[in-house]
Amino acid sequence: MDLDLALVRAFVTTAGTLHFGRAAEELNTSQQALSKRIARLEELLAVRLFEREGGTRLTEAGERFLPAAREALAAGERAIAAATGAVPVVRIDTWGHLYAPMRTVAQAVRAFGPVRLEPGPGRDWPSVAQALLRGDTDLGFGRVHPLPGGREAELTQRLVRLEPVDAVVGPSHPLADARALRPDDLRDSTLWCPAELTRLDFLRRFADAFRITRRQDGPNLGLDHLVQHIRADAACFTLFPADAPLPDHAGLRSIPLVEPTPLYAWSLAWREPSRHPLLDTLLRGFTEAGRARRWLDYTPQRDWLPDTDHAKLAAHSGLGLGVVDNGRQDDASSRP
């Protein structure tokens, strides 16, 4: 039996929407033509892939067929690229630009194979979520958090990295000479937020959790502006990923936080009905990089995550994606 990839694509799109009308719109065809393709595929396979009474849903055979069907489409894309010399394009929007999200993507990209990423200018998570829902981008990368109206429920999320954050202070800050700090040590300092605090979910939750009442926010004018503000104000500190680069000339101190160590959760997000054929390849790349670099190491007695991130951690731990409780002792020098 030879599988017609046009029929397979019709099945995968319909499985993603569970609605023949919306699937036909995505494929730019009529609902009648789509139904004929699905019927032809079911005839070739001699199995029923969809139940159509009382709403559209996959049969057991359809559930079994779906992962392999997606792989078949991805293999077809790779075959076309190999024959034509073209490189498949995946549009990816990132946010949290001060924290340099593309450095994590770059470390995972080596495992992608022949895939070309097309970065997009995401302003923040709400704007990227809207772009994903509209179909303006294929993939989002950054820190996800609850959105008004629960709009994030329409998107699929995959936790890929938990990154320790440091306290960054200027040379005249009273704690500038510390080798390590506890979050509680910062209560007499002012948390500088390089954007409106209502848009910075992680910093707001950190300040609430550790009762840091002195907070300042302002417009996001880039990394240089952040550096100048911290360097000039001896009372201020901010949080910055331990692996993210600060300018060499800044004269700032980046001090590890311990007991507990706050972790910044990086995730991928996509819209399942518009799932890119090469998404599974990309996910494998992030998984391989994460295992090699221990991106998902987590110890409850040592680390801190906002409450909203715990559900993602538990869900992805259950998927066997490498989230571990390794029982290490609190030690700034042993952090991932």
C-alpha atoms as a PDB file:
ATOM      1  CA  MET A   1       0.000   0.000   0.000  1.00  0.00           C
ATOM      2  CA  ASP A   2       1.305   3.457  -0.927  1.00  0.00           C
ATOM      3  CA  LEU A   3       0.235   6.288   1.366  1.00  0.00           C
ATOM      4  CA  ASP A   4      -0.763   9.528  -0.329  1.00  0.00           C
ATOM      5  CA  LEU A   5       0.635  12.317   1.842  1.00  0.00           C
ATOM      6  CA  ALA A   6      -2.191  14.631   0.765  1.00  0.00           C
ATOM      7  CA  LEU A   7      -4.606  12.185   2.407  1.00  0.00           C
ATOM      8  CA  VAL A   8      -2.364  11.926   5.468  1.00  0.00           C
ATOM      9  CA  ARG A   9      -2.238  15.725   5.761  1.00  0.00           C
ATOM     10  CA  ALA A  10      -6.035  15.864   5.570  1.00  0.00           C
ATOM     11  CA  PHE A  11      -6.235  13.362   8.435  1.00  0.00           C
ATOM     12  CA  VAL A  12      -3.648  15.129  10.628  1.00  0.00           C
ATOM     13  CA  THR A  13      -5.266  18.535  10.171  1.00  0.00           C
ATOM     14  CA  THR A  14      -8.717  17.156  10.963  1.00  0.00           C
ATOM     15  CA  ALA A  15      -7.350  15.301  13.994  1.00  0.00           C
ATOM     16  CA  GLY A  16      -5.912  18.591  15.238  1.00  0.00           C
ATOM     17  CA  THR A  17      -9.166  20.530  14.919  1.00  0.00           C
ATOM     18  CA  LEU A  18     -11.708  17.707  15.376  1.00  0.00           C
ATOM     19  CA  HIS A  19     -13.868  19.838  13.114  1.00  0.00           C
ATOM     20  CA  PHE A  20     -14.167  19.173   9.359  1.00  0.00           C
ATOM     21  CA  GLY A  21     -15.129  22.775   8.561  1.00  0.00           C
ATOM     22  CA  ARG A  22     -12.146  24.350  10.341  1.00  0.00           C
ATOM     23  CA  ALA A  23      -9.784  21.718   8.957  1.00  0.00           C
ATOM     24  CA  ALA A  24     -11.014  22.457   5.419  1.00  0.00           C
ATOM     25  CA  GLU A  25     -10.352  26.168   5.986  1.00  0.00           C
ATOM     26  CA  GLU A  26      -6.797  25.461   7.170  1.00  0.00           C
ATOM     27  CA  LEU A  27      -6.173  23.326   4.076  1.00  0.00           C
ATOM     28  CA  ASN A  28      -7.797  25.912   1.799  1.00  0.00           C
ATOM     29  CA  THR A  29     -10.238  23.359   0.387  1.00  0.00           C
ATOM     30  CA  SER A  30     -13.931  22.588   0.647  1.00  0.00           C
ATOM     31  CA  GLN A  31     -15.425  20.477   3.409  1.00  0.00           C
ATOM     32  CA  GLN A  32     -16.754  18.073   0.794  1.00  0.00           C
ATOM     33  CA  ALA A  33     -13.292  17.585  -0.723  1.00  0.00           C
ATOM     34  CA  LEU A  34     -11.786  17.048   2.729  1.00  0.00           C
ATOM     35  CA  SER A  35     -14.424  14.448   3.635  1.00  0.00           C
ATOM     36  CA  LYS A  36     -13.657  12.585   0.414  1.00  0.00           C
ATOM     37  CA  ARG A  37      -9.929  12.513   1.258  1.00  0.00           C
ATOM     38  CA  ILE A  38     -10.600  11.132   4.731  1.00  0.00           C
ATOM     39  CA  ALA A  39     -13.003   8.546   3.345  1.00  0.00           C
ATOM     40  CA  ARG A  40     -10.408   7.500   0.739  1.00  0.00           C
ATOM     41  CA  LEU A  41      -7.737   7.122   3.436  1.00  0.00           C
ATOM     42  CA  GLU A  42     -10.068   5.031   5.606  1.00  0.00           C
ATOM     43  CA  GLU A  43     -10.819   2.861   2.573  1.00  0.00           C
ATOM     44  CA  LEU A  44      -7.129   2.309   1.870  1.00  0.00           C
ATOM     45  CA  LEU A  45      -6.372   1.463   5.513  1.00  0.00           C
ATOM     46  CA  ALA A  46      -9.563  -0.572   5.924  1.00  0.00           C
ATOM     47  CA  VAL A  47     -10.166   1.074   9.295  1.00  0.00           C
ATOM     48  CA  ARG A  48     -12.397   3.872  10.554  1.00  0.00           C
ATOM     49  CA  LEU A  49     -10.300   6.840  11.735  1.00  0.00           C
ATOM     50  CA  PHE A  50     -13.058   9.186  12.970  1.00  0.00           C
ATOM     51  CA  GLU A  51     -16.346   8.833  14.774  1.00  0.00           C
ATOM     52  CA  ARG A  52     -18.683  11.384  13.234  1.00  0.00           C
ATOM     53  CA  GLU A  53     -21.867  11.060  15.281  1.00  0.00           C
ATOM     54  CA  GLY A  54     -22.324  13.363  18.272  1.00  0.00           C
ATOM     55  CA  GLY A  55     -19.249  15.370  17.289  1.00  0.00           C
ATOM     56  CA  THR A  56     -15.988  14.480  15.570  1.00  0.00           C
ATOM     57  CA  ARG A  57     -13.508  12.369  17.530  1.00  0.00           C
ATOM     58  CA  LEU A  58     -10.728   9.904  16.791  1.00  0.00           C
ATOM     59  CA  THR A  59     -11.351   6.177  16.919  1.00  0.00           C
ATOM     60  CA  GLU A  60      -8.807   3.909  18.626  1.00  0.00           C
ATOM     61  CA  ALA A  61      -7.304   3.237  15.196  1.00  0.00           C
ATOM     62  CA  GLY A  62      -7.137   6.980  14.584  1.00  0.00           C
ATOM     63  CA  GLU A  63      -5.358   7.536  17.897  1.00  0.00           C
ATOM     64  CA  ARG A  64      -2.790   4.876  16.967  1.00  0.00           C
ATOM     65  CA  PHE A  65      -2.327   6.270  13.478  1.00  0.00           C
ATOM     66  CA  LEU A  66      -1.878   9.944  14.444  1.00  0.00           C
ATOM     67  CA  PRO A  67       1.750   9.922  15.760  1.00  0.00           C
ATOM     68  CA  ALA A  68       2.963   7.892  12.781  1.00  0.00           C
ATOM     69  CA  ALA A  69       1.006  10.114  10.394  1.00  0.00           C
ATOM     70  CA  ARG A  70       2.739  13.198  11.778  1.00  0.00           C
ATOM     71  CA  GLU A  71       6.095  11.494  11.368  1.00  0.00           C
ATOM     72  CA  ALA A  72       5.196  10.608   7.769  1.00  0.00           C
ATOM     73  CA  LEU A  73       4.496  14.269   7.016  1.00  0.00           C
ATOM     74  CA  ALA A  74       7.748  15.317   8.672  1.00  0.00           C
ATOM     75  CA  ALA A  75       9.642  12.687   6.658  1.00  0.00           C
ATOM     76  CA  GLY A  76       8.012  14.003   3.499  1.00  0.00           C
ATOM     77  CA  GLU A  77       9.143  17.544   4.321  1.00  0.00           C
ATOM     78  CA  ARG A  78      12.692  16.297   4.923  1.00  0.00           C
ATOM     79  CA  ALA A  79      12.673  14.312   1.678  1.00  0.00           C
ATOM     80  CA  ILE A  80      11.568  17.350  -0.331  1.00  0.00           C
ATOM     81  CA  ALA A  81      14.221  19.484   1.350  1.00  0.00           C
ATOM     82  CA  ALA A  82      16.912  16.885   0.625  1.00  0.00           C
ATOM     83  CA  ALA A  83      15.921  16.608  -3.034  1.00  0.00           C
ATOM     84  CA  THR A  84      15.574  20.324  -3.696  1.00  0.00           C
ATOM     85  CA  GLY A  85      18.331  21.567  -1.418  1.00  0.00           C
ATOM     86  CA  ALA A  86      15.793  23.690   0.433  1.00  0.00           C
ATOM     87  CA  VAL A  87      15.837  23.967   4.208  1.00  0.00           C
ATOM     88  CA  PRO A  88      12.463  23.726   5.984  1.00  0.00           C
ATOM     89  CA  VAL A  89      11.532  26.928   7.796  1.00  0.00           C
ATOM     90  CA  VAL A  90      10.003  27.090  11.273  1.00  0.00           C
ATOM     91  CA  ARG A  91       8.836  30.517  12.471  1.00  0.00           C
ATOM     92  CA  ILE A  92       9.705  30.989  16.139  1.00  0.00           C
ATOM     93  CA  ASP A  93       8.792  34.031  18.230  1.00  0.00           C
ATOM     94  CA  THR A  94      10.744  34.601  21.448  1.00  0.00           C
ATOM     95  CA  TRP A  95      10.141  36.984  24.319  1.00  0.00           C
ATOM     96  CA  GLY A  96      12.008  38.001  27.475  1.00  0.00           C
ATOM     97  CA  HIS A  97      14.712  39.533  25.286  1.00  0.00           C
ATOM     98  CA  LEU A  98      16.836  40.931  28.123  1.00  0.00           C
ATOM     99  CA  TYR A  99      17.306  37.321  29.235  1.00  0.00           C
ATOM    100  CA  ALA A 100      18.607  36.338  25.767  1.00  0.00           C
ATOM    101  CA  PRO A 101      16.218  33.480  24.935  1.00  0.00           C
ATOM    102  CA  MET A 102      17.948  32.637  21.657  1.00  0.00           C
ATOM    103  CA  ARG A 103      21.077  31.410  23.475  1.00  0.00           C
ATOM    104  CA  THR A 104      19.025  28.429  24.724  1.00  0.00           C
ATOM    105  CA  VAL A 105      17.496  27.861  21.301  1.00  0.00           C
ATOM    106  CA  ALA A 106      20.982  28.019  19.769  1.00  0.00           C
ATOM    107  CA  GLN A 107      22.259  25.291  22.093  1.00  0.00           C
ATOM    108  CA  ALA A 108      19.369  23.022  21.115  1.00  0.00           C
ATOM    109  CA  VAL A 109      19.491  23.789  17.395  1.00  0.00           C
ATOM    110  CA  ARG A 110      22.473  21.508  16.798  1.00  0.00           C
ATOM    111  CA  ALA A 111      20.216  18.495  17.340  1.00  0.00           C
ATOM    112  CA  PHE A 112      17.492  19.739  14.981  1.00  0.00           C
ATOM    113  CA  GLY A 113      19.002  18.505  11.722  1.00  0.00           C
ATOM    114  CA  PRO A 114      18.211  20.383   8.505  1.00  0.00           C
ATOM    115  CA  VAL A 115      15.773  22.917   9.940  1.00  0.00           C
ATOM    116  CA  ARG A 116      15.961  26.679   9.426  1.00  0.00           C
ATOM    117  CA  LEU A 117      14.533  28.849  12.188  1.00  0.00           C
ATOM    118  CA  GLU A 118      13.015  32.206  11.330  1.00  0.00           C
ATOM    119  CA  PRO A 119      13.009  34.299  14.557  1.00  0.00           C
ATOM    120  CA  GLY A 120      10.130  36.691  15.093  1.00  0.00           C
ATOM    121  CA  PRO A 121       9.867  39.839  17.248  1.00  0.00           C
ATOM    122  CA  GLY A 122       7.683  38.772  20.168  1.00  0.00           C
ATOM    123  CA  ARG A 123       6.938  41.674  22.545  1.00  0.00           C
ATOM    124  CA  ASP A 124       5.819  39.496  25.454  1.00  0.00           C
ATOM    125  CA  TRP A 125       3.966  36.257  26.155  1.00  0.00           C
ATOM    126  CA  PRO A 126       0.462  37.690  25.551  1.00  0.00           C
ATOM    127  CA  SER A 127       1.503  39.034  22.140  1.00  0.00           C
ATOM    128  CA  VAL A 128       3.199  35.751  21.144  1.00  0.00           C
ATOM    129  CA  ALA A 129       0.149  33.769  22.308  1.00  0.00           C
ATOM    130  CA  GLN A 130      -2.010  35.920  20.042  1.00  0.00           C
ATOM    131  CA  ALA A 131       0.375  35.342  17.129  1.00  0.00           C
ATOM    132  CA  LEU A 132       0.212  31.577  17.690  1.00  0.00           C
ATOM    133  CA  LEU A 133      -3.595  31.606  17.862  1.00  0.00           C
ATOM    134  CA  ARG A 134      -3.797  33.647  14.643  1.00  0.00           C
ATOM    135  CA  GLY A 135      -1.347  31.351  12.866  1.00  0.00           C
ATOM    136  CA  ASP A 136       1.196  34.156  12.366  1.00  0.00           C
ATOM    137  CA  THR A 137       4.002  32.036  13.855  1.00  0.00           C
ATOM    138  CA  ASP A 138       4.694  28.323  14.367  1.00  0.00           C
ATOM    139  CA  LEU A 139       6.401  28.223  17.744  1.00  0.00           C
ATOM    140  CA  GLY A 140       6.923  30.422  20.791  1.00  0.00           C
ATOM    141  CA  PHE A 141       9.804  30.307  23.261  1.00  0.00           C
ATOM    142  CA  GLY A 142       9.976  32.083  26.614  1.00  0.00           C
ATOM    143  CA  ARG A 143       8.352  31.943  30.050  1.00  0.00           C
ATOM    144  CA  VAL A 144       4.622  31.191  29.906  1.00  0.00           C
ATOM    145  CA  HIS A 145       2.180  32.139  32.641  1.00  0.00           C
ATOM    146  CA  PRO A 146      -1.611  32.402  33.055  1.00  0.00           C
ATOM    147  CA  LEU A 147      -3.289  34.849  30.672  1.00  0.00           C
ATOM    148  CA  PRO A 148      -6.562  36.767  31.126  1.00  0.00           C
ATOM    149  CA  GLY A 149      -9.518  34.593  30.218  1.00  0.00           C
ATOM    150  CA  GLY A 150      -7.417  31.425  30.282  1.00  0.00           C
ATOM    151  CA  ARG A 151      -6.340  31.927  26.645  1.00  0.00           C
ATOM    152  CA  GLU A 152      -3.203  29.838  27.247  1.00  0.00           C
ATOM    153  CA  ALA A 153      -5.442  26.741  27.485  1.00  0.00           C
ATOM    154  CA  GLU A 154      -5.817  26.891  23.690  1.00  0.00           C
ATOM    155  CA  LEU A 155      -2.068  26.355  23.309  1.00  0.00           C
ATOM    156  CA  THR A 156       0.178  23.399  24.063  1.00  0.00           C
ATOM    157  CA  GLN A 157       3.208  24.045  26.262  1.00  0.00           C
ATOM    158  CA  ARG A 158       6.412  22.095  26.843  1.00  0.00           C
ATOM    159  CA  LEU A 159       8.802  22.998  29.674  1.00  0.00           C
ATOM    160  CA  VAL A 160      12.366  22.740  28.341  1.00  0.00           C
ATOM    161  CA  ARG A 161      14.662  24.536  30.779  1.00  0.00           C
ATOM    162  CA  LEU A 162      14.824  25.601  34.430  1.00  0.00           C
ATOM    163  CA  GLU A 163      17.554  28.221  34.721  1.00  0.00           C
ATOM    164  CA  PRO A 164      18.938  29.554  38.027  1.00  0.00           C
ATOM    165  CA  VAL A 165      18.854  33.321  38.383  1.00  0.00           C
ATOM    166  CA  ASP A 166      21.440  35.506  40.119  1.00  0.00           C
ATOM    167  CA  ALA A 167      21.049  38.758  41.998  1.00  0.00           C
ATOM    168  CA  VAL A 168      22.750  41.508  40.022  1.00  0.00           C
ATOM    169  CA  VAL A 169      23.940  44.563  41.987  1.00  0.00           C
ATOM    170  CA  GLY A 170      26.182  47.555  41.397  1.00  0.00           C
ATOM    171  CA  PRO A 171      29.684  47.842  42.863  1.00  0.00           C
ATOM    172  CA  SER A 172      28.493  50.150  45.678  1.00  0.00           C
ATOM    173  CA  HIS A 173      25.607  47.965  46.815  1.00  0.00           C
ATOM    174  CA  PRO A 174      26.012  46.906  50.506  1.00  0.00           C
ATOM    175  CA  LEU A 175      25.954  43.222  49.494  1.00  0.00           C
ATOM    176  CA  ALA A 176      28.267  43.519  46.482  1.00  0.00           C
ATOM    177  CA  ASP A 177      31.075  41.505  48.112  1.00  0.00           C
ATOM    178  CA  ALA A 178      28.922  38.482  49.043  1.00  0.00           C
ATOM    179  CA  ARG A 179      29.847  35.124  47.507  1.00  0.00           C
ATOM    180  CA  ALA A 180      26.207  34.007  47.635  1.00  0.00           C
ATOM    181  CA  LEU A 181      22.940  35.453  48.897  1.00  0.00           C
ATOM    182  CA  ARG A 182      19.614  34.144  50.097  1.00  0.00           C
ATOM    183  CA  PRO A 183      16.526  35.843  48.642  1.00  0.00           C
ATOM    184  CA  ASP A 184      15.674  36.970  52.193  1.00  0.00           C
ATOM    185  CA  ASP A 185      18.931  38.959  52.282  1.00  0.00           C
ATOM    186  CA  LEU A 186      17.488  41.305  49.666  1.00  0.00           C
ATOM    187  CA  ARG A 187      14.512  42.581  51.667  1.00  0.00           C
ATOM    188  CA  ASP A 188      16.162  45.903  52.426  1.00  0.00           C
ATOM    189  CA  SER A 189      17.044  46.443  48.757  1.00  0.00           C
ATOM    190  CA  THR A 190      14.907  47.743  45.895  1.00  0.00           C
ATOM    191  CA  LEU A 191      13.980  45.366  43.082  1.00  0.00           C
ATOM    192  CA  TRP A 192      14.442  47.104  39.742  1.00  0.00           C
ATOM    193  CA  CYS A 193      12.074  45.816  37.070  1.00  0.00           C
ATOM    194  CA  PRO A 194      13.066  46.733  33.493  1.00  0.00           C
ATOM    195  CA  ALA A 195       9.423  47.051  32.330  1.00  0.00           C
ATOM    196  CA  GLU A 196       6.039  47.606  33.905  1.00  0.00           C
ATOM    197  CA  LEU A 197       5.818  45.165  36.816  1.00  0.00           C
ATOM    198  CA  THR A 198       2.373  43.991  35.688  1.00  0.00           C
ATOM    199  CA  ARG A 199       4.065  42.559  32.581  1.00  0.00           C
ATOM    200  CA  LEU A 200       6.900  40.834  34.486  1.00  0.00           C
ATOM    201  CA  ASP A 201       5.174  37.847  36.031  1.00  0.00           C
ATOM    202  CA  PHE A 202       8.335  36.155  37.336  1.00  0.00           C
ATOM    203  CA  LEU A 203       9.757  39.237  39.092  1.00  0.00           C
ATOM    204  CA  ARG A 204       6.372  40.089  40.618  1.00  0.00           C
ATOM    205  CA  ARG A 205       5.920  36.575  42.006  1.00  0.00           C
ATOM    206  CA  PHE A 206       9.501  36.531  43.328  1.00  0.00           C
ATOM    207  CA  ALA A 207       8.974  39.834  45.153  1.00  0.00           C
ATOM    208  CA  ASP A 208       5.671  38.645  46.620  1.00  0.00           C
ATOM    209  CA  ALA A 209       7.093  35.279  47.735  1.00  0.00           C
ATOM    210  CA  PHE A 210      10.122  36.776  49.520  1.00  0.00           C
ATOM    211  CA  ARG A 211       8.346  39.900  50.804  1.00  0.00           C
ATOM    212  CA  ILE A 212      10.459  42.402  48.901  1.00  0.00           C
ATOM    213  CA  THR A 213       8.296  45.475  49.216  1.00  0.00           C
ATOM    214  CA  ARG A 214      10.579  48.047  47.602  1.00  0.00           C
ATOM    215  CA  ARG A 215      10.028  47.842  43.868  1.00  0.00           C
ATOM    216  CA  GLN A 216      10.664  50.147  40.938  1.00  0.00           C
ATOM    217  CA  ASP A 217       9.712  49.619  37.339  1.00  0.00           C
ATOM    218  CA  GLY A 218      10.173  51.543  34.146  1.00  0.00           C
ATOM    219  CA  PRO A 219      10.179  51.166  30.376  1.00  0.00           C
ATOM    220  CA  ASN A 220      12.229  48.403  28.773  1.00  0.00           C
ATOM    221  CA  LEU A 221      14.959  50.428  27.059  1.00  0.00           C
ATOM    222  CA  GLY A 222      17.364  47.541  26.612  1.00  0.00           C
ATOM    223  CA  LEU A 223      20.234  45.914  28.461  1.00  0.00           C
ATOM    224  CA  ASP A 224      22.447  49.013  28.538  1.00  0.00           C
ATOM    225  CA  HIS A 225      19.739  51.018  30.274  1.00  0.00           C
ATOM    226  CA  LEU A 226      19.271  48.223  32.833  1.00  0.00           C
ATOM    227  CA  VAL A 227      23.016  48.111  33.509  1.00  0.00           C
ATOM    228  CA  GLN A 228      23.280  51.886  33.935  1.00  0.00           C
ATOM    229  CA  HIS A 229      20.392  51.984  36.392  1.00  0.00           C
ATOM    230  CA  ILE A 230      21.754  49.182  38.595  1.00  0.00           C
ATOM    231  CA  ARG A 231      25.260  50.607  38.527  1.00  0.00           C
ATOM    232  CA  ALA A 232      24.062  54.091  39.477  1.00  0.00           C
ATOM    233  CA  ASP A 233      21.687  53.151  42.324  1.00  0.00           C
ATOM    234  CA  ALA A 234      23.381  51.495  45.295  1.00  0.00           C
ATOM    235  CA  ALA A 235      20.031  50.374  46.726  1.00  0.00           C
ATOM    236  CA  CYS A 236      18.850  48.505  43.630  1.00  0.00           C
ATOM    237  CA  PHE A 237      19.206  44.928  42.457  1.00  0.00           C
ATOM    238  CA  THR A 238      17.619  42.886  39.717  1.00  0.00           C
ATOM    239  CA  LEU A 239      17.441  39.223  38.789  1.00  0.00           C
ATOM    240  CA  PHE A 240      19.281  37.839  35.782  1.00  0.00           C
ATOM    241  CA  PRO A 241      19.737  34.281  34.464  1.00  0.00           C
ATOM    242  CA  ALA A 242      23.010  32.796  35.642  1.00  0.00           C
ATOM    243  CA  ASP A 243      24.005  31.781  32.108  1.00  0.00           C
ATOM    244  CA  ALA A 244      22.961  35.002  30.362  1.00  0.00           C
ATOM    245  CA  PRO A 245      25.730  37.416  29.337  1.00  0.00           C
ATOM    246  CA  LEU A 246      26.163  40.810  30.952  1.00  0.00           C
ATOM    247  CA  PRO A 247      28.399  43.441  29.311  1.00  0.00           C
ATOM    248  CA  ASP A 248      32.034  42.924  30.326  1.00  0.00           C
ATOM    249  CA  HIS A 249      32.504  46.640  31.018  1.00  0.00           C
ATOM    250  CA  ALA A 250      29.472  46.968  33.284  1.00  0.00           C
ATOM    251  CA  GLY A 251      31.262  46.642  36.625  1.00  0.00           C
ATOM    252  CA  LEU A 252      28.290  44.793  38.100  1.00  0.00           C
ATOM    253  CA  ARG A 253      28.305  41.847  40.490  1.00  0.00           C
ATOM    254  CA  SER A 254      26.284  38.762  39.592  1.00  0.00           C
ATOM    255  CA  ILE A 255      25.794  36.881  42.865  1.00  0.00           C
ATOM    256  CA  PRO A 256      24.331  33.344  43.068  1.00  0.00           C
ATOM    257  CA  LEU A 257      21.094  32.982  45.024  1.00  0.00           C
ATOM    258  CA  VAL A 258      20.762  29.986  47.357  1.00  0.00           C
ATOM    259  CA  GLU A 259      18.448  28.645  50.066  1.00  0.00           C
ATOM    260  CA  PRO A 260      16.447  28.592  47.838  1.00  0.00           C
ATOM    261  CA  THR A 261      17.705  29.115  44.295  1.00  0.00           C
ATOM    262  CA  PRO A 262      15.015  30.752  42.134  1.00  0.00           C
ATOM    263  CA  LEU A 263      14.562  29.057  38.757  1.00  0.00           C
ATOM    264  CA  TYR A 264      13.318  30.717  35.589  1.00  0.00           C
ATOM    265  CA  ALA A 265      11.149  28.334  33.532  1.00  0.00           C
ATOM    266  CA  TRP A 266      11.665  28.435  29.758  1.00  0.00           C
ATOM    267  CA  SER A 267       8.960  26.769  27.667  1.00  0.00           C
ATOM    268  CA  LEU A 268       7.985  26.105  24.079  1.00  0.00           C
ATOM    269  CA  ALA A 269       4.402  26.840  23.050  1.00  0.00           C
ATOM    270  CA  TRP A 270       2.436  26.040  19.921  1.00  0.00           C
ATOM    271  CA  ARG A 271      -1.122  25.628  18.653  1.00  0.00           C
ATOM    272  CA  GLU A 272      -1.797  21.922  18.226  1.00  0.00           C
ATOM    273  CA  PRO A 273      -4.232  22.274  15.297  1.00  0.00           C
ATOM    274  CA  SER A 274      -1.493  24.168  13.425  1.00  0.00           C
ATOM    275  CA  ARG A 275       1.270  21.827  14.555  1.00  0.00           C
ATOM    276  CA  HIS A 276       4.316  22.209  12.308  1.00  0.00           C
ATOM    277  CA  PRO A 277       5.343  18.939  10.584  1.00  0.00           C
ATOM    278  CA  LEU A 278       8.858  19.283  12.013  1.00  0.00           C
ATOM    279  CA  LEU A 279       7.785  20.063  15.572  1.00  0.00           C
ATOM    280  CA  ASP A 280       8.613  16.568  16.841  1.00  0.00           C
ATOM    281  CA  THR A 281      12.132  16.967  15.449  1.00  0.00           C
ATOM    282  CA  LEU A 282      12.496  20.269  17.292  1.00  0.00           C
ATOM    283  CA  LEU A 283      11.184  18.811  20.536  1.00  0.00           C
ATOM    284  CA  ARG A 284      13.704  15.971  20.324  1.00  0.00           C
ATOM    285  CA  GLY A 285      16.460  18.547  19.873  1.00  0.00           C
ATOM    286  CA  PHE A 286      15.432  20.403  23.033  1.00  0.00           C
ATOM    287  CA  THR A 287      15.098  17.125  24.942  1.00  0.00           C
ATOM    288  CA  GLU A 288      18.563  15.934  23.924  1.00  0.00           C
ATOM    289  CA  ALA A 289      20.173  19.281  24.764  1.00  0.00           C
ATOM    290  CA  GLY A 290      18.315  19.400  28.078  1.00  0.00           C
ATOM    291  CA  ARG A 291      19.470  15.957  29.127  1.00  0.00           C
ATOM    292  CA  ALA A 292      23.069  16.674  28.184  1.00  0.00           C
ATOM    293  CA  ARG A 293      23.091  20.004  30.047  1.00  0.00           C
ATOM    294  CA  ARG A 294      20.756  19.039  32.933  1.00  0.00           C
ATOM    295  CA  TRP A 295      18.352  21.818  32.016  1.00  0.00           C
ATOM    296  CA  LEU A 296      15.502  20.293  34.006  1.00  0.00           C
ATOM    297  CA  ASP A 297      17.291  19.469  37.254  1.00  0.00           C
ATOM    298  CA  TYR A 298      15.086  20.430  40.183  1.00  0.00           C
ATOM    299  CA  THR A 299      15.255  19.738  43.919  1.00  0.00           C
ATOM    300  CA  PRO A 300      12.317  20.995  46.012  1.00  0.00           C
ATOM    301  CA  GLN A 301      14.492  21.464  49.118  1.00  0.00           C
ATOM    302  CA  ARG A 302      16.997  23.566  47.164  1.00  0.00           C
ATOM    303  CA  ASP A 303      15.090  25.411  44.461  1.00  0.00           C
ATOM    304  CA  TRP A 304      12.163  27.836  44.191  1.00  0.00           C
ATOM    305  CA  LEU A 305       9.610  28.110  41.412  1.00  0.00           C
ATOM    306  CA  PRO A 306       6.488  30.268  41.241  1.00  0.00           C
ATOM    307  CA  ASP A 307       3.349  28.283  42.031  1.00  0.00           C
ATOM    308  CA  THR A 308       2.157  28.597  38.435  1.00  0.00           C
ATOM    309  CA  ASP A 309       5.265  26.749  37.223  1.00  0.00           C
ATOM    310  CA  HIS A 310       4.821  23.762  39.543  1.00  0.00           C
ATOM    311  CA  ALA A 311       1.939  22.323  37.510  1.00  0.00           C
ATOM    312  CA  LYS A 312       4.056  22.410  34.334  1.00  0.00           C
ATOM    313  CA  LEU A 313       6.940  20.770  36.173  1.00  0.00           C
ATOM    314  CA  ALA A 314       4.726  17.955  37.483  1.00  0.00           C
ATOM    315  CA  ALA A 315       3.126  17.400  34.082  1.00  0.00           C
ATOM    316  CA  HIS A 316       6.425  17.206  32.225  1.00  0.00           C
ATOM    317  CA  SER A 317       8.005  15.034  34.900  1.00  0.00           C
ATOM    318  CA  GLY A 318       5.203  12.558  34.280  1.00  0.00           C
ATOM    319  CA  LEU A 319       6.061  12.566  30.574  1.00  0.00           C
ATOM    320  CA  GLY A 320       9.558  11.290  31.398  1.00  0.00           C
ATOM    321  CA  LEU A 321      11.288  14.345  29.937  1.00  0.00           C
ATOM    322  CA  GLY A 322      14.182  14.397  32.361  1.00  0.00           C
ATOM    323  CA  VAL A 323      12.819  16.410  35.277  1.00  0.00           C
ATOM    324  CA  VAL A 324      14.607  15.042  38.314  1.00  0.00           C
ATOM    325  CA  ASP A 325      14.795  15.492  42.049  1.00  0.00           C
ATOM    326  CA  ASN A 326      18.467  14.662  42.442  1.00  0.00           C
ATOM    327  CA  GLY A 327      18.782  15.356  46.152  1.00  0.00           C
ATOM    328  CA  ARG A 328      21.820  17.617  45.835  1.00  0.00           C
ATOM    329  CA  GLN A 329      22.708  19.889  48.707  1.00  0.00           C
ATOM    330  CA  ASP A 330      22.388  23.675  48.407  1.00  0.00           C
ATOM    331  CA  ASP A 331      25.676  24.741  46.857  1.00  0.00           C
ATOM    332  CA  ALA A 332      26.075  27.671  44.505  1.00  0.00           C
ATOM    333  CA  SER A 333      29.058  26.030  42.819  1.00  0.00           C
ATOM    334  CA  SER A 334      27.069  22.898  41.867  1.00  0.00           C
ATOM    335  CA  ARG A 335      24.154  24.620  40.180  1.00  0.00           C
ATOM    336  CA  PRO A 336      23.367  23.654  36.582  1.00  0.00           C
END
